[in-house]
Amino acid sequence: MTTKQLQGVFWVVLVAFLGWDWHASEPVNLRQEPPLIAAGSGQAASGGHCSLAK
C-alpha cells in the first residue's frame, strides 16, 4: 500500500471509530461533572460549583 492509501485507511477507521463511540455512548451530563479547576485535587464533586445539581 502507498502512503496515501494508508493515510486514507487511517482516517476512515478513525472517523468510523468516533462515530461508533458517539452513537454507543451515553451523553455526558455536564451538571454532574466536577468543576475542571478541581480535577485531580481530591475535592468532592458535590461542592465548589454553584450550578451543580444536588
C-alpha atoms as a PDB file:
ATOM      1  CA  MET A   1       0.000   0.000   0.000  1.00  0.00           C
ATOM      2  CA  THR A   2       1.156   3.513  -0.684  1.00  0.00           C
ATOM      3  CA  THR A   3       1.418   6.217   1.926  1.00  0.00           C
ATOM      4  CA  LYS A   4      -1.728   7.976   0.642  1.00  0.00           C
ATOM      5  CA  GLN A   5      -3.714   4.751   0.855  1.00  0.00           C
ATOM      6  CA  LEU A   6      -2.525   4.135   4.409  1.00  0.00           C
ATOM      7  CA  GLN A   7      -3.459   7.693   5.361  1.00  0.00           C
ATOM      8  CA  GLY A   8      -6.897   7.183   3.824  1.00  0.00           C
ATOM      9  CA  VAL A   9      -7.409   3.937   5.733  1.00  0.00           C
ATOM     10  CA  PHE A  10      -6.309   5.638   8.968  1.00  0.00           C
ATOM     11  CA  TRP A  11      -8.810   8.497   8.571  1.00  0.00           C
ATOM     12  CA  VAL A  12     -11.666   6.185   7.600  1.00  0.00           C
ATOM     13  CA  VAL A  13     -11.010   3.948  10.611  1.00  0.00           C
ATOM     14  CA  LEU A  14     -10.678   6.959  12.937  1.00  0.00           C
ATOM     15  CA  VAL A  15     -13.917   8.567  11.737  1.00  0.00           C
ATOM     16  CA  ALA A  16     -15.725   5.204  11.929  1.00  0.00           C
ATOM     17  CA  PHE A  17     -14.495   4.668  15.497  1.00  0.00           C
ATOM     18  CA  LEU A  18     -15.509   8.173  16.596  1.00  0.00           C
ATOM     19  CA  GLY A  19     -18.932   7.736  15.007  1.00  0.00           C
ATOM     20  CA  TRP A  20     -19.435   4.401  16.729  1.00  0.00           C
ATOM     21  CA  ASP A  21     -18.292   5.822  20.075  1.00  0.00           C
ATOM     22  CA  TRP A  22     -20.605   8.833  19.761  1.00  0.00           C
ATOM     23  CA  HIS A  23     -23.529   6.573  18.873  1.00  0.00           C
ATOM     24  CA  ALA A  24     -22.875   3.925  21.564  1.00  0.00           C
ATOM     25  CA  SER A  25     -22.009   6.216  24.499  1.00  0.00           C
ATOM     26  CA  GLU A  26     -24.431   7.907  26.845  1.00  0.00           C
ATOM     27  CA  PRO A  27     -24.442  11.703  26.663  1.00  0.00           C
ATOM     28  CA  VAL A  28     -22.272  13.479  29.217  1.00  0.00           C
ATOM     29  CA  ASN A  29     -24.277  15.396  31.819  1.00  0.00           C
ATOM     30  CA  LEU A  30     -22.058  18.416  32.432  1.00  0.00           C
ATOM     31  CA  ARG A  31     -24.016  19.361  35.562  1.00  0.00           C
ATOM     32  CA  GLN A  32     -22.873  16.127  37.234  1.00  0.00           C
ATOM     33  CA  GLU A  33     -19.179  16.568  36.402  1.00  0.00           C
ATOM     34  CA  PRO A  34     -16.791  18.102  38.953  1.00  0.00           C
ATOM     35  CA  PRO A  35     -15.522  21.579  38.126  1.00  0.00           C
ATOM     36  CA  LEU A  36     -12.456  21.436  35.883  1.00  0.00           C
ATOM     37  CA  ILE A  37     -10.355  23.502  38.292  1.00  0.00           C
ATOM     38  CA  ALA A  38     -10.835  20.768  40.917  1.00  0.00           C
ATOM     39  CA  ALA A  39      -9.765  17.908  38.644  1.00  0.00           C
ATOM     40  CA  GLY A  40      -7.198  15.797  40.437  1.00  0.00           C
ATOM     41  CA  SER A  41      -7.249  17.870  43.638  1.00  0.00           C
ATOM     42  CA  GLY A  42      -9.303  15.399  45.656  1.00  0.00           C
ATOM     43  CA  GLN A  43     -12.078  17.965  46.070  1.00  0.00           C
ATOM     44  CA  ALA A  44     -15.517  16.401  46.337  1.00  0.00           C
ATOM     45  CA  ALA A  45     -17.617  16.555  43.183  1.00  0.00           C
ATOM     46  CA  SER A  46     -20.602  17.854  45.180  1.00  0.00           C
ATOM     47  CA  GLY A  47     -19.041  21.194  46.057  1.00  0.00           C
ATOM     48  CA  GLY A  48     -17.415  24.228  44.535  1.00  0.00           C
ATOM     49  CA  HIS A  49     -19.813  24.906  41.710  1.00  0.00           C
ATOM     50  CA  CYS A  50     -22.970  26.972  42.091  1.00  0.00           C
ATOM     51  CA  SER A  51     -24.899  25.275  39.272  1.00  0.00           C
ATOM     52  CA  LEU A  52     -24.137  21.696  40.293  1.00  0.00           C
ATOM     53  CA  ALA A  53     -27.282  19.584  40.789  1.00  0.00           C
ATOM     54  CA  LYS A  54     -27.622  18.328  44.327  1.00  0.00           C
END
